[in-house]
């Protein structure tokens, strides 16, 4: 009978902490008795090596996938081509499905959920659906959504993630999008300004402040 060795993570933790505790206390030789007693009292409270933190990792309920919503007429057909992973339709959590339904009803909503639960898709999918619907109706090209992030790092990671989805469609991208921040050089900023999308947060800010300045003059 072959037994599979197991790892006791708590014993491993205790072993690592004991080694670190020995290292941390081995290179100090305190001769002043009052100071020594205070330092030893602090070490005795395990201030520098607390007990393991055990948390429950939430499991979010999955309810449907993008293809099902397309077949139900909730989303534009092209959404099934965009939102897929390795050829399979993107499965959705219940809160993502609910966000899509609220957006389809034209209502405002706020999504509060845990890290890694797909908050971005709660607005990415409705935006893409709306843009595709407008294109199908042959509306003129214009900016239909502006996504504002508090940090460039977040904007960069979101742009990369969104680009992966759009690249699922071969040929000409079904929608156009661009990043407009201080990271772009003058040529890129001019290109974005001269071609749809024609309005960016920076441009809206400039237009608004210019309007305010004119009014105060």
N, C-alpha and C. Protein backbone atom coordinates (compact mmCIF):
# COMPACT_ATOMS: atom_id res chain seq x y z
N UNK A 1 0.84 -1.19 0.00
CA UNK A 1 0.00 0.00 0.00
C UNK A 1 0.88 1.25 0.00
N UNK A 2 0.62 2.10 -0.95
CA UNK A 2 1.41 3.32 -1.08
C UNK A 2 0.66 4.47 -0.40
N UNK A 3 1.35 5.10 0.50
CA UNK A 3 0.73 6.24 1.19
C UNK A 3 1.31 7.55 0.66
N UNK A 4 0.47 8.50 0.50
CA UNK A 4 0.91 9.81 0.01
C UNK A 4 1.30 10.69 1.19
N UNK A 5 2.54 11.18 1.18
CA UNK A 5 2.96 12.04 2.30
C UNK A 5 2.12 13.31 2.35
N UNK A 6 1.82 13.71 3.55
CA UNK A 6 1.02 14.92 3.74
C UNK A 6 1.85 15.99 4.43
N UNK A 7 1.47 17.21 4.25
CA UNK A 7 2.16 18.34 4.86
C UNK A 7 1.26 18.99 5.89
N UNK A 8 1.74 19.03 7.11
CA UNK A 8 1.02 19.71 8.18
C UNK A 8 1.47 21.16 8.17
N UNK A 9 0.66 22.03 7.61
CA UNK A 9 1.05 23.43 7.42
C UNK A 9 1.26 24.14 8.75
N UNK A 10 0.54 23.71 9.78
CA UNK A 10 0.68 24.37 11.08
C UNK A 10 1.99 23.97 11.76
N UNK A 11 2.38 22.69 11.61
CA UNK A 11 3.67 22.26 12.14
C UNK A 11 4.81 22.95 11.41
N UNK A 12 4.65 23.12 10.10
CA UNK A 12 5.66 23.82 9.32
C UNK A 12 5.77 25.25 9.79
N UNK A 13 4.63 25.88 10.03
CA UNK A 13 4.64 27.27 10.51
C UNK A 13 5.36 27.38 11.85
N UNK A 14 5.06 26.45 12.77
CA UNK A 14 5.70 26.47 14.08
C UNK A 14 7.20 26.29 13.97
N UNK A 15 7.63 25.42 13.06
CA UNK A 15 9.06 25.18 12.87
C UNK A 15 9.76 26.42 12.35
N UNK A 16 9.14 27.07 11.37
CA UNK A 16 9.73 28.28 10.80
C UNK A 16 9.78 29.40 11.84
N UNK A 17 8.71 29.56 12.60
CA UNK A 17 8.66 30.61 13.62
C UNK A 17 9.69 30.35 14.71
N UNK A 18 9.85 29.09 15.12
CA UNK A 18 10.83 28.76 16.16
C UNK A 18 12.25 29.10 15.69
N UNK A 19 12.53 28.79 14.43
CA UNK A 19 13.85 29.11 13.90
C UNK A 19 14.06 30.62 13.86
N UNK A 20 13.04 31.33 13.44
CA UNK A 20 13.16 32.79 13.37
C UNK A 20 13.27 33.38 14.77
N UNK A 21 12.51 32.82 15.72
CA UNK A 21 12.56 33.31 17.10
C UNK A 21 13.97 33.14 17.67
N UNK A 22 14.57 31.98 17.40
CA UNK A 22 15.93 31.71 17.88
C UNK A 22 16.92 32.70 17.25
N UNK A 23 16.75 32.92 15.95
CA UNK A 23 17.64 33.86 15.25
C UNK A 23 17.48 35.28 15.80
N UNK A 24 16.23 35.72 15.99
CA UNK A 24 15.96 37.10 16.42
C UNK A 24 16.46 37.38 17.82
N UNK A 25 16.49 36.34 18.66
CA UNK A 25 16.88 36.57 20.06
C UNK A 25 18.33 36.18 20.34
N UNK A 26 18.98 35.56 19.38
CA UNK A 26 20.33 35.04 19.63
C UNK A 26 21.43 36.09 19.55
N UNK A 27 21.19 37.17 18.80
CA UNK A 27 22.29 38.12 18.60
C UNK A 27 22.21 39.33 19.55
N UNK A 28 21.34 39.26 20.54
CA UNK A 28 21.27 40.35 21.52
C UNK A 28 21.71 39.85 22.89
N UNK A 29 22.61 40.57 23.51
CA UNK A 29 23.07 40.23 24.86
C UNK A 29 22.87 41.47 25.72
N UNK A 30 21.77 41.51 26.41
CA UNK A 30 21.41 42.69 27.21
C UNK A 30 21.89 42.48 28.64
N UNK A 31 22.74 43.34 29.12
CA UNK A 31 23.31 43.20 30.46
C UNK A 31 22.51 43.97 31.52
N UNK A 32 21.82 45.01 31.11
CA UNK A 32 21.00 45.76 32.06
C UNK A 32 19.76 44.94 32.38
N UNK A 33 19.62 44.52 33.63
CA UNK A 33 18.56 43.59 34.01
C UNK A 33 17.17 44.14 33.74
N UNK A 34 16.96 45.44 34.02
CA UNK A 34 15.62 46.00 33.83
C UNK A 34 15.23 46.02 32.36
N UNK A 35 16.18 46.37 31.50
CA UNK A 35 15.90 46.38 30.06
C UNK A 35 15.70 44.96 29.55
N UNK A 36 16.52 44.04 30.03
CA UNK A 36 16.42 42.64 29.61
C UNK A 36 15.04 42.08 29.93
N UNK A 37 14.55 42.38 31.14
CA UNK A 37 13.24 41.88 31.54
C UNK A 37 12.12 42.43 30.66
N UNK A 38 12.24 43.70 30.27
CA UNK A 38 11.23 44.31 29.40
C UNK A 38 11.24 43.67 28.00
N UNK A 39 12.43 43.46 27.47
CA UNK A 39 12.55 42.85 26.14
C UNK A 39 12.02 41.42 26.16
N UNK A 40 12.38 40.66 27.20
CA UNK A 40 11.91 39.28 27.30
C UNK A 40 10.40 39.23 27.47
N UNK A 41 9.83 40.22 28.16
CA UNK A 41 8.38 40.27 28.34
C UNK A 41 7.68 40.51 27.00
N UNK A 42 8.28 41.35 26.19
CA UNK A 42 7.71 41.61 24.86
C UNK A 42 7.77 40.36 23.99
N UNK A 43 8.94 39.67 24.02
CA UNK A 43 9.07 38.43 23.26
C UNK A 43 8.07 37.38 23.75
N UNK A 44 7.84 37.35 25.07
CA UNK A 44 6.93 36.36 25.65
C UNK A 44 5.49 36.54 25.18
N UNK A 45 5.14 37.76 24.79
CA UNK A 45 3.79 38.04 24.31
C UNK A 45 3.60 37.67 22.84
N UNK A 46 4.66 37.13 22.23
CA UNK A 46 4.61 36.72 20.81
C UNK A 46 4.22 37.87 19.89
N UNK A 47 4.69 39.04 20.25
CA UNK A 47 4.34 40.23 19.47
C UNK A 47 4.88 40.14 18.04
N UNK A 48 6.03 39.52 17.89
CA UNK A 48 6.67 39.48 16.56
C UNK A 48 6.38 38.19 15.80
N UNK A 49 5.70 37.24 16.42
CA UNK A 49 5.32 36.02 15.73
C UNK A 49 3.95 35.56 16.25
N UNK A 50 2.91 36.29 15.86
CA UNK A 50 1.55 35.97 16.32
C UNK A 50 1.05 34.64 15.79
N UNK A 51 -0.06 34.21 16.31
CA UNK A 51 -0.67 32.96 15.88
C UNK A 51 -1.13 33.06 14.43
N UNK A 52 -1.24 31.92 13.74
CA UNK A 52 -1.67 31.95 12.32
C UNK A 52 -3.04 32.61 12.18
N UNK A 53 -3.19 33.36 11.11
CA UNK A 53 -4.47 33.98 10.81
C UNK A 53 -5.26 33.06 9.89
N UNK A 54 -6.38 32.60 10.36
CA UNK A 54 -7.21 31.68 9.57
C UNK A 54 -8.45 32.43 9.10
N UNK A 55 -8.64 32.46 7.81
CA UNK A 55 -9.80 33.14 7.23
C UNK A 55 -10.53 32.21 6.27
N UNK A 56 -11.79 32.47 6.09
CA UNK A 56 -12.59 31.70 5.14
C UNK A 56 -12.58 32.42 3.80
N UNK A 57 -12.19 31.69 2.77
CA UNK A 57 -12.18 32.26 1.43
C UNK A 57 -13.58 32.11 0.83
N UNK A 58 -14.28 33.22 0.55
CA UNK A 58 -15.66 33.11 0.06
C UNK A 58 -15.74 32.46 -1.31
N UNK A 59 -16.77 31.69 -1.50
CA UNK A 59 -17.03 31.05 -2.79
C UNK A 59 -18.27 31.71 -3.38
N UNK A 60 -18.10 32.42 -4.47
CA UNK A 60 -19.20 33.18 -5.05
C UNK A 60 -20.05 32.28 -5.96
N UNK A 61 -21.34 32.49 -5.87
CA UNK A 61 -22.28 31.66 -6.60
C UNK A 61 -22.25 31.98 -8.09
N UNK A 62 -22.09 30.95 -8.89
CA UNK A 62 -22.17 31.10 -10.35
C UNK A 62 -23.59 30.78 -10.80
N UNK A 63 -24.07 31.54 -11.79
CA UNK A 63 -25.47 31.37 -12.16
C UNK A 63 -25.69 31.08 -13.63
N UNK A 64 -24.88 31.65 -14.52
CA UNK A 64 -25.11 31.50 -15.95
C UNK A 64 -23.83 31.82 -16.69
N UNK A 65 -23.89 31.93 -18.00
CA UNK A 65 -22.72 32.37 -18.77
C UNK A 65 -23.18 33.35 -19.84
N UNK A 66 -22.21 33.98 -20.48
CA UNK A 66 -22.52 35.03 -21.45
C UNK A 66 -23.33 34.49 -22.62
N UNK A 67 -23.01 33.29 -23.07
CA UNK A 67 -23.73 32.72 -24.22
C UNK A 67 -25.21 32.54 -23.90
N UNK A 68 -25.51 32.10 -22.69
CA UNK A 68 -26.91 31.92 -22.30
C UNK A 68 -27.66 33.25 -22.32
N UNK A 69 -26.98 34.32 -21.86
CA UNK A 69 -27.62 35.63 -21.87
C UNK A 69 -27.80 36.15 -23.28
N UNK A 70 -26.89 35.78 -24.18
CA UNK A 70 -27.05 36.15 -25.59
C UNK A 70 -28.25 35.42 -26.18
N UNK A 71 -28.34 34.13 -25.91
CA UNK A 71 -29.46 33.34 -26.43
C UNK A 71 -30.79 33.79 -25.87
N UNK A 72 -30.76 34.36 -24.67
CA UNK A 72 -31.99 34.86 -24.05
C UNK A 72 -32.34 36.26 -24.52
N UNK A 73 -31.48 36.86 -25.35
CA UNK A 73 -31.74 38.18 -25.89
C UNK A 73 -31.37 39.31 -24.95
N UNK A 74 -30.66 38.97 -23.87
CA UNK A 74 -30.25 39.99 -22.90
C UNK A 74 -29.04 40.76 -23.41
N UNK A 75 -28.13 40.06 -24.09
CA UNK A 75 -26.91 40.67 -24.60
C UNK A 75 -26.82 40.56 -26.12
N UNK A 76 -26.08 41.46 -26.72
CA UNK A 76 -25.84 41.43 -28.15
C UNK A 76 -25.07 40.15 -28.53
N UNK A 77 -25.35 39.57 -29.71
CA UNK A 77 -24.70 38.32 -30.12
C UNK A 77 -23.18 38.36 -30.06
N UNK A 78 -22.58 39.48 -30.43
CA UNK A 78 -21.12 39.58 -30.46
C UNK A 78 -20.50 39.46 -29.07
N UNK A 79 -21.30 39.67 -28.03
CA UNK A 79 -20.78 39.53 -26.66
C UNK A 79 -20.28 38.11 -26.42
N UNK A 80 -20.94 37.13 -27.04
CA UNK A 80 -20.52 35.74 -26.87
C UNK A 80 -19.16 35.50 -27.49
N UNK A 81 -18.84 36.22 -28.56
CA UNK A 81 -17.54 36.08 -29.20
C UNK A 81 -16.44 36.77 -28.40
N UNK A 82 -16.79 37.87 -27.76
CA UNK A 82 -15.80 38.65 -27.00
C UNK A 82 -15.53 38.02 -25.65
N UNK A 83 -16.58 37.78 -24.90
CA UNK A 83 -16.41 37.31 -23.52
C UNK A 83 -16.39 35.78 -23.46
N UNK A 84 -15.23 35.25 -23.77
CA UNK A 84 -15.01 33.81 -23.70
C UNK A 84 -13.58 33.56 -23.22
N UNK A 85 -13.36 32.37 -22.72
CA UNK A 85 -12.04 31.99 -22.23
C UNK A 85 -11.68 30.64 -22.84
N UNK A 86 -10.64 30.62 -23.66
CA UNK A 86 -10.18 29.40 -24.33
C UNK A 86 -11.30 28.74 -25.11
N UNK A 87 -12.08 29.55 -25.78
CA UNK A 87 -13.14 29.03 -26.62
C UNK A 87 -14.43 28.70 -25.90
N UNK A 88 -14.44 28.80 -24.59
CA UNK A 88 -15.64 28.51 -23.82
C UNK A 88 -16.28 29.80 -23.34
N UNK A 89 -17.63 29.85 -23.31
CA UNK A 89 -18.31 31.07 -22.86
C UNK A 89 -17.92 31.43 -21.43
N UNK A 90 -17.78 32.70 -21.17
CA UNK A 90 -17.40 33.18 -19.85
C UNK A 90 -18.55 32.94 -18.87
N UNK A 91 -18.26 32.19 -17.81
CA UNK A 91 -19.29 31.97 -16.80
C UNK A 91 -19.37 33.18 -15.88
N UNK A 92 -20.54 33.43 -15.36
CA UNK A 92 -20.78 34.63 -14.56
C UNK A 92 -21.22 34.29 -13.15
N UNK A 93 -20.79 35.14 -12.23
CA UNK A 93 -21.30 35.03 -10.87
C UNK A 93 -22.69 35.65 -10.82
N UNK A 94 -23.43 35.31 -9.77
CA UNK A 94 -24.79 35.82 -9.64
C UNK A 94 -24.81 37.34 -9.60
N UNK A 95 -23.86 37.97 -8.90
CA UNK A 95 -23.88 39.42 -8.82
C UNK A 95 -23.54 40.07 -10.16
N UNK A 96 -22.79 39.38 -11.01
CA UNK A 96 -22.52 39.91 -12.35
C UNK A 96 -23.78 39.84 -13.20
N UNK A 97 -24.49 38.74 -13.12
CA UNK A 97 -25.75 38.60 -13.84
C UNK A 97 -26.74 39.67 -13.40
N UNK A 98 -26.80 39.92 -12.10
CA UNK A 98 -27.71 40.93 -11.57
C UNK A 98 -27.33 42.32 -12.05
N UNK A 99 -26.03 42.62 -12.09
CA UNK A 99 -25.58 43.93 -12.57
C UNK A 99 -25.95 44.13 -14.02
N UNK A 100 -25.79 43.09 -14.83
CA UNK A 100 -26.14 43.17 -16.25
C UNK A 100 -27.64 43.44 -16.41
N UNK A 101 -28.45 42.78 -15.58
CA UNK A 101 -29.91 42.96 -15.66
C UNK A 101 -30.31 44.38 -15.27
N UNK A 102 -29.68 44.92 -14.23
CA UNK A 102 -30.00 46.27 -13.80
C UNK A 102 -29.58 47.28 -14.86
N UNK A 103 -28.39 47.06 -15.46
CA UNK A 103 -27.93 47.96 -16.52
C UNK A 103 -28.87 47.91 -17.72
N UNK A 104 -29.34 46.71 -18.06
CA UNK A 104 -30.26 46.57 -19.19
C UNK A 104 -31.57 47.32 -18.95
N UNK A 105 -31.93 47.48 -17.69
CA UNK A 105 -33.16 48.21 -17.34
C UNK A 105 -32.92 49.71 -17.30
N UNK A 106 -31.68 50.13 -17.54
CA UNK A 106 -31.37 51.56 -17.55
C UNK A 106 -31.25 52.17 -16.17
N UNK A 107 -31.02 51.34 -15.17
CA UNK A 107 -30.93 51.82 -13.80
C UNK A 107 -29.47 51.97 -13.37
N UNK A 108 -29.24 52.85 -12.41
CA UNK A 108 -27.91 53.00 -11.83
C UNK A 108 -27.71 51.92 -10.77
N UNK A 109 -26.45 51.56 -10.53
CA UNK A 109 -26.19 50.54 -9.52
C UNK A 109 -24.77 50.66 -8.99
N UNK A 110 -24.58 50.15 -7.79
CA UNK A 110 -23.27 50.10 -7.14
C UNK A 110 -23.00 48.65 -6.78
N UNK A 111 -21.83 48.15 -7.14
CA UNK A 111 -21.47 46.77 -6.84
C UNK A 111 -20.42 46.75 -5.73
N UNK A 112 -20.72 46.07 -4.65
CA UNK A 112 -19.75 45.89 -3.57
C UNK A 112 -19.60 44.40 -3.33
N UNK A 113 -18.43 43.90 -3.60
CA UNK A 113 -18.17 42.47 -3.44
C UNK A 113 -16.68 42.27 -3.22
N UNK A 114 -16.29 41.05 -2.94
CA UNK A 114 -14.91 40.76 -2.55
C UNK A 114 -13.91 40.87 -3.69
N UNK A 115 -12.63 40.89 -3.28
CA UNK A 115 -11.54 40.92 -4.25
C UNK A 115 -11.55 39.65 -5.09
N UNK A 116 -11.36 39.82 -6.39
CA UNK A 116 -11.30 38.68 -7.29
C UNK A 116 -12.65 38.13 -7.68
N UNK A 117 -13.72 38.88 -7.41
CA UNK A 117 -15.06 38.39 -7.75
C UNK A 117 -15.61 39.02 -9.03
N UNK A 118 -14.73 39.66 -9.81
CA UNK A 118 -15.15 40.14 -11.13
C UNK A 118 -15.98 41.39 -11.14
N UNK A 119 -15.59 42.37 -10.33
CA UNK A 119 -16.36 43.63 -10.31
C UNK A 119 -16.29 44.34 -11.66
N UNK A 120 -15.13 44.28 -12.31
CA UNK A 120 -14.97 44.99 -13.58
C UNK A 120 -15.95 44.51 -14.64
N UNK A 121 -16.20 43.22 -14.68
CA UNK A 121 -17.13 42.68 -15.67
C UNK A 121 -18.55 43.16 -15.44
N UNK A 122 -18.83 43.61 -14.21
CA UNK A 122 -20.17 44.13 -13.91
C UNK A 122 -20.47 45.39 -14.71
N UNK A 123 -19.42 46.09 -15.15
CA UNK A 123 -19.68 47.24 -16.01
C UNK A 123 -19.09 47.06 -17.41
N UNK A 124 -18.05 46.23 -17.55
CA UNK A 124 -17.49 45.99 -18.87
C UNK A 124 -18.53 45.38 -19.82
N UNK A 125 -19.20 44.34 -19.36
CA UNK A 125 -20.16 43.63 -20.23
C UNK A 125 -21.34 44.54 -20.63
N UNK A 126 -21.97 45.25 -19.69
CA UNK A 126 -23.05 46.16 -20.11
C UNK A 126 -22.57 47.25 -21.07
N UNK A 127 -21.36 47.77 -20.86
CA UNK A 127 -20.85 48.80 -21.76
C UNK A 127 -20.67 48.24 -23.16
N UNK A 128 -20.03 47.08 -23.26
CA UNK A 128 -19.81 46.47 -24.57
C UNK A 128 -21.14 46.16 -25.25
N UNK A 129 -22.09 45.64 -24.50
CA UNK A 129 -23.43 45.38 -25.05
C UNK A 129 -24.05 46.66 -25.62
N UNK A 130 -23.96 47.73 -24.88
CA UNK A 130 -24.55 49.00 -25.31
C UNK A 130 -23.87 49.52 -26.59
N UNK A 131 -22.55 49.45 -26.62
CA UNK A 131 -21.82 49.93 -27.79
C UNK A 131 -22.17 49.10 -29.02
N UNK A 132 -22.23 47.79 -28.86
CA UNK A 132 -22.56 46.92 -29.98
C UNK A 132 -23.98 47.18 -30.48
N UNK A 133 -24.89 47.42 -29.56
CA UNK A 133 -26.27 47.71 -29.94
C UNK A 133 -26.35 49.01 -30.74
N UNK A 134 -25.60 50.01 -30.31
CA UNK A 134 -25.58 51.28 -31.02
C UNK A 134 -24.97 51.11 -32.42
N UNK A 135 -23.93 50.31 -32.53
CA UNK A 135 -23.31 50.07 -33.83
C UNK A 135 -24.26 49.32 -34.76
N UNK A 136 -25.01 48.39 -34.18
CA UNK A 136 -25.98 47.64 -35.00
C UNK A 136 -27.06 48.57 -35.54
N UNK A 137 -27.39 49.58 -34.77
CA UNK A 137 -28.37 50.56 -35.22
C UNK A 137 -27.76 51.64 -36.10
N UNK A 138 -26.46 51.46 -36.39
CA UNK A 138 -25.73 52.35 -37.30
C UNK A 138 -25.71 53.79 -36.81
N UNK A 139 -25.62 53.95 -35.50
CA UNK A 139 -25.47 55.29 -34.95
C UNK A 139 -24.08 55.80 -35.25
N UNK A 140 -23.92 57.10 -35.28
CA UNK A 140 -22.62 57.67 -35.61
C UNK A 140 -21.60 57.34 -34.53
N UNK A 141 -20.35 57.29 -34.95
CA UNK A 141 -19.27 56.97 -34.01
C UNK A 141 -19.07 58.11 -33.02
N UNK A 142 -19.05 57.78 -31.76
CA UNK A 142 -18.80 58.77 -30.73
C UNK A 142 -18.46 58.03 -29.43
N UNK A 143 -17.98 58.77 -28.46
CA UNK A 143 -17.68 58.17 -27.17
C UNK A 143 -18.98 57.83 -26.45
N UNK A 144 -19.10 56.57 -26.03
CA UNK A 144 -20.32 56.12 -25.38
C UNK A 144 -20.10 55.75 -23.92
N UNK A 145 -18.86 55.67 -23.52
CA UNK A 145 -18.57 55.34 -22.12
C UNK A 145 -17.19 55.86 -21.75
N UNK A 146 -17.07 56.34 -20.54
CA UNK A 146 -15.79 56.78 -19.99
C UNK A 146 -15.59 56.07 -18.66
N UNK A 147 -14.51 55.34 -18.53
CA UNK A 147 -14.20 54.62 -17.31
C UNK A 147 -13.06 55.34 -16.61
N UNK A 148 -13.28 55.76 -15.39
CA UNK A 148 -12.29 56.54 -14.64
C UNK A 148 -11.72 55.69 -13.52
N UNK A 149 -10.40 55.60 -13.48
CA UNK A 149 -9.72 54.84 -12.44
C UNK A 149 -8.89 55.80 -11.58
N UNK A 150 -8.74 55.48 -10.30
CA UNK A 150 -8.00 56.37 -9.40
C UNK A 150 -6.49 56.31 -9.57
N UNK A 151 -6.00 55.23 -10.20
CA UNK A 151 -4.56 55.07 -10.35
C UNK A 151 -4.23 54.54 -11.74
N UNK A 152 -3.09 54.98 -12.29
CA UNK A 152 -2.65 54.50 -13.60
C UNK A 152 -2.43 52.99 -13.60
N UNK A 153 -1.91 52.47 -12.48
CA UNK A 153 -1.62 51.04 -12.41
C UNK A 153 -2.89 50.22 -12.62
N UNK A 154 -3.99 50.67 -12.04
CA UNK A 154 -5.26 49.97 -12.19
C UNK A 154 -5.77 50.12 -13.62
N UNK A 155 -5.64 51.32 -14.17
CA UNK A 155 -6.07 51.54 -15.56
C UNK A 155 -5.28 50.65 -16.51
N UNK A 156 -4.00 50.49 -16.25
CA UNK A 156 -3.16 49.66 -17.12
C UNK A 156 -3.56 48.19 -17.06
N UNK A 157 -3.79 47.68 -15.85
CA UNK A 157 -4.16 46.27 -15.72
C UNK A 157 -5.53 46.01 -16.32
N UNK A 158 -6.45 46.96 -16.17
CA UNK A 158 -7.78 46.80 -16.74
C UNK A 158 -7.75 46.86 -18.26
N UNK A 159 -6.89 47.74 -18.80
CA UNK A 159 -6.75 47.83 -20.25
C UNK A 159 -6.22 46.51 -20.80
N UNK A 160 -5.26 45.93 -20.12
CA UNK A 160 -4.69 44.65 -20.56
C UNK A 160 -5.74 43.55 -20.54
N UNK A 161 -6.52 43.51 -19.47
CA UNK A 161 -7.55 42.48 -19.34
C UNK A 161 -8.63 42.65 -20.40
N UNK A 162 -9.06 43.89 -20.62
CA UNK A 162 -10.11 44.14 -21.61
C UNK A 162 -9.61 43.83 -23.01
N UNK A 163 -8.34 44.13 -23.28
CA UNK A 163 -7.76 43.86 -24.60
C UNK A 163 -7.76 42.36 -24.89
N UNK A 164 -7.55 41.54 -23.85
CA UNK A 164 -7.57 40.09 -24.04
C UNK A 164 -8.93 39.62 -24.53
N UNK A 165 -9.98 40.18 -23.94
CA UNK A 165 -11.33 39.79 -24.36
C UNK A 165 -11.61 40.22 -25.80
N UNK A 166 -11.30 41.45 -26.11
CA UNK A 166 -11.59 41.96 -27.45
C UNK A 166 -10.78 41.21 -28.50
N UNK A 167 -9.57 40.78 -28.14
CA UNK A 167 -8.73 40.05 -29.10
C UNK A 167 -9.27 38.66 -29.42
N UNK A 168 -10.31 38.22 -28.71
CA UNK A 168 -10.93 36.94 -29.04
C UNK A 168 -11.60 36.98 -30.40
N UNK A 169 -11.92 38.18 -30.87
CA UNK A 169 -12.58 38.35 -32.16
C UNK A 169 -11.51 38.61 -33.22
N UNK A 170 -11.43 37.76 -34.22
CA UNK A 170 -10.42 37.92 -35.27
C UNK A 170 -10.77 39.10 -36.18
N UNK A 171 -9.75 39.69 -36.76
CA UNK A 171 -9.97 40.80 -37.68
C UNK A 171 -10.13 42.13 -36.97
N UNK A 172 -10.92 43.00 -37.56
CA UNK A 172 -11.13 44.34 -37.01
C UNK A 172 -11.84 44.24 -35.66
N UNK A 173 -11.32 44.90 -34.64
CA UNK A 173 -11.97 44.86 -33.33
C UNK A 173 -13.42 45.33 -33.42
N UNK A 174 -14.34 44.67 -32.74
CA UNK A 174 -15.76 45.02 -32.81
C UNK A 174 -16.07 46.37 -32.18
N UNK A 175 -15.21 46.83 -31.28
CA UNK A 175 -15.40 48.14 -30.65
C UNK A 175 -14.03 48.81 -30.53
N UNK A 176 -14.04 50.12 -30.42
CA UNK A 176 -12.78 50.85 -30.25
C UNK A 176 -12.69 51.37 -28.82
N UNK A 177 -11.47 51.38 -28.29
CA UNK A 177 -11.26 51.89 -26.95
C UNK A 177 -9.81 52.37 -26.85
N UNK A 178 -9.55 53.22 -25.90
CA UNK A 178 -8.21 53.77 -25.75
C UNK A 178 -7.98 54.24 -24.32
N UNK A 179 -6.74 54.25 -23.94
CA UNK A 179 -6.34 54.79 -22.64
C UNK A 179 -5.81 56.20 -22.86
N UNK A 180 -6.26 57.14 -22.05
CA UNK A 180 -5.84 58.54 -22.20
C UNK A 180 -5.43 59.05 -20.83
N UNK A 181 -4.14 58.94 -20.55
CA UNK A 181 -3.61 59.39 -19.26
C UNK A 181 -2.30 60.14 -19.51
N UNK A 182 -1.62 60.47 -18.45
CA UNK A 182 -0.33 61.14 -18.59
C UNK A 182 0.76 60.23 -19.12
N UNK A 183 0.46 58.94 -19.28
CA UNK A 183 1.46 57.99 -19.78
C UNK A 183 1.63 58.08 -21.28
N UNK A 184 0.61 58.57 -21.97
CA UNK A 184 0.67 58.65 -23.44
C UNK A 184 1.51 59.84 -23.88
N UNK A 185 2.25 59.66 -24.98
CA UNK A 185 3.01 60.78 -25.51
C UNK A 185 2.08 61.69 -26.29
N UNK A 186 2.62 62.82 -26.74
CA UNK A 186 1.80 63.83 -27.41
C UNK A 186 1.17 63.29 -28.69
N UNK A 187 1.90 62.47 -29.41
CA UNK A 187 1.38 61.91 -30.67
C UNK A 187 0.18 61.01 -30.42
N UNK A 188 0.29 60.15 -29.40
CA UNK A 188 -0.81 59.25 -29.09
C UNK A 188 -2.02 60.01 -28.58
N UNK A 189 -1.81 61.01 -27.77
CA UNK A 189 -2.92 61.81 -27.24
C UNK A 189 -3.63 62.54 -28.37
N UNK A 190 -2.85 63.01 -29.34
CA UNK A 190 -3.45 63.71 -30.48
C UNK A 190 -4.24 62.74 -31.34
N UNK A 191 -3.70 61.52 -31.51
CA UNK A 191 -4.40 60.52 -32.30
C UNK A 191 -5.76 60.20 -31.68
N UNK A 192 -5.77 60.02 -30.36
CA UNK A 192 -7.01 59.71 -29.67
C UNK A 192 -8.00 60.87 -29.77
N UNK A 193 -7.49 62.08 -29.66
CA UNK A 193 -8.36 63.26 -29.71
C UNK A 193 -8.98 63.44 -31.09
N UNK A 194 -8.26 63.03 -32.13
CA UNK A 194 -8.73 63.24 -33.50
C UNK A 194 -9.60 62.11 -34.02
N UNK A 195 -9.65 60.99 -33.28
CA UNK A 195 -10.43 59.84 -33.73
C UNK A 195 -11.28 59.33 -32.58
N UNK A 196 -12.48 58.82 -32.89
CA UNK A 196 -13.30 58.27 -31.82
C UNK A 196 -12.52 57.19 -31.08
N UNK A 197 -12.64 57.10 -29.74
CA UNK A 197 -13.46 57.94 -28.89
C UNK A 197 -12.92 59.35 -28.75
N UNK A 198 -13.82 60.36 -28.82
CA UNK A 198 -13.42 61.75 -28.91
C UNK A 198 -13.42 62.48 -27.58
N UNK A 199 -13.89 61.87 -26.54
CA UNK A 199 -13.89 62.53 -25.23
C UNK A 199 -13.24 61.63 -24.20
N UNK A 200 -12.33 62.17 -23.43
CA UNK A 200 -11.65 61.43 -22.38
C UNK A 200 -11.80 62.21 -21.08
N UNK A 201 -11.51 61.60 -19.95
CA UNK A 201 -11.61 62.34 -18.68
C UNK A 201 -10.79 63.62 -18.68
N UNK A 202 -9.56 63.56 -19.22
CA UNK A 202 -8.73 64.76 -19.26
C UNK A 202 -9.37 65.83 -20.13
N UNK A 203 -9.90 65.41 -21.27
CA UNK A 203 -10.51 66.38 -22.18
C UNK A 203 -11.79 66.97 -21.56
N UNK A 204 -12.56 66.13 -20.89
CA UNK A 204 -13.77 66.64 -20.24
C UNK A 204 -13.40 67.63 -19.14
N UNK A 205 -12.34 67.33 -18.42
CA UNK A 205 -11.88 68.24 -17.37
C UNK A 205 -11.46 69.58 -17.97
N UNK A 206 -10.69 69.49 -19.07
CA UNK A 206 -10.23 70.72 -19.73
C UNK A 206 -11.41 71.54 -20.24
N UNK A 207 -12.38 70.84 -20.85
CA UNK A 207 -13.54 71.55 -21.38
C UNK A 207 -14.35 72.19 -20.27
N UNK A 208 -14.49 71.48 -19.17
CA UNK A 208 -15.28 71.99 -18.05
C UNK A 208 -14.61 73.19 -17.39
N UNK A 209 -13.31 73.07 -17.14
CA UNK A 209 -12.61 74.18 -16.49
C UNK A 209 -12.53 75.40 -17.40
N UNK A 210 -12.43 75.16 -18.71
CA UNK A 210 -12.42 76.26 -19.65
C UNK A 210 -13.75 76.98 -19.64
N UNK A 211 -14.82 76.19 -19.54
CA UNK A 211 -16.17 76.77 -19.49
C UNK A 211 -16.35 77.61 -18.23
N UNK A 212 -15.87 77.04 -17.10
CA UNK A 212 -15.99 77.76 -15.84
C UNK A 212 -15.20 79.06 -15.87
N UNK A 213 -14.00 78.99 -16.45
CA UNK A 213 -13.16 80.19 -16.52
C UNK A 213 -13.81 81.26 -17.37
N UNK A 214 -14.42 80.80 -18.48
CA UNK A 214 -15.08 81.76 -19.37
C UNK A 214 -16.26 82.43 -18.66
N UNK A 215 -16.98 81.63 -17.86
CA UNK A 215 -18.13 82.19 -17.16
C UNK A 215 -17.73 83.20 -16.09
N UNK A 216 -16.56 82.96 -15.50
CA UNK A 216 -16.12 83.89 -14.45
C UNK A 216 -15.51 85.15 -15.01
N UNK A 217 -15.13 85.11 -16.29
CA UNK A 217 -14.51 86.28 -16.90
C UNK A 217 -15.50 87.41 -17.07
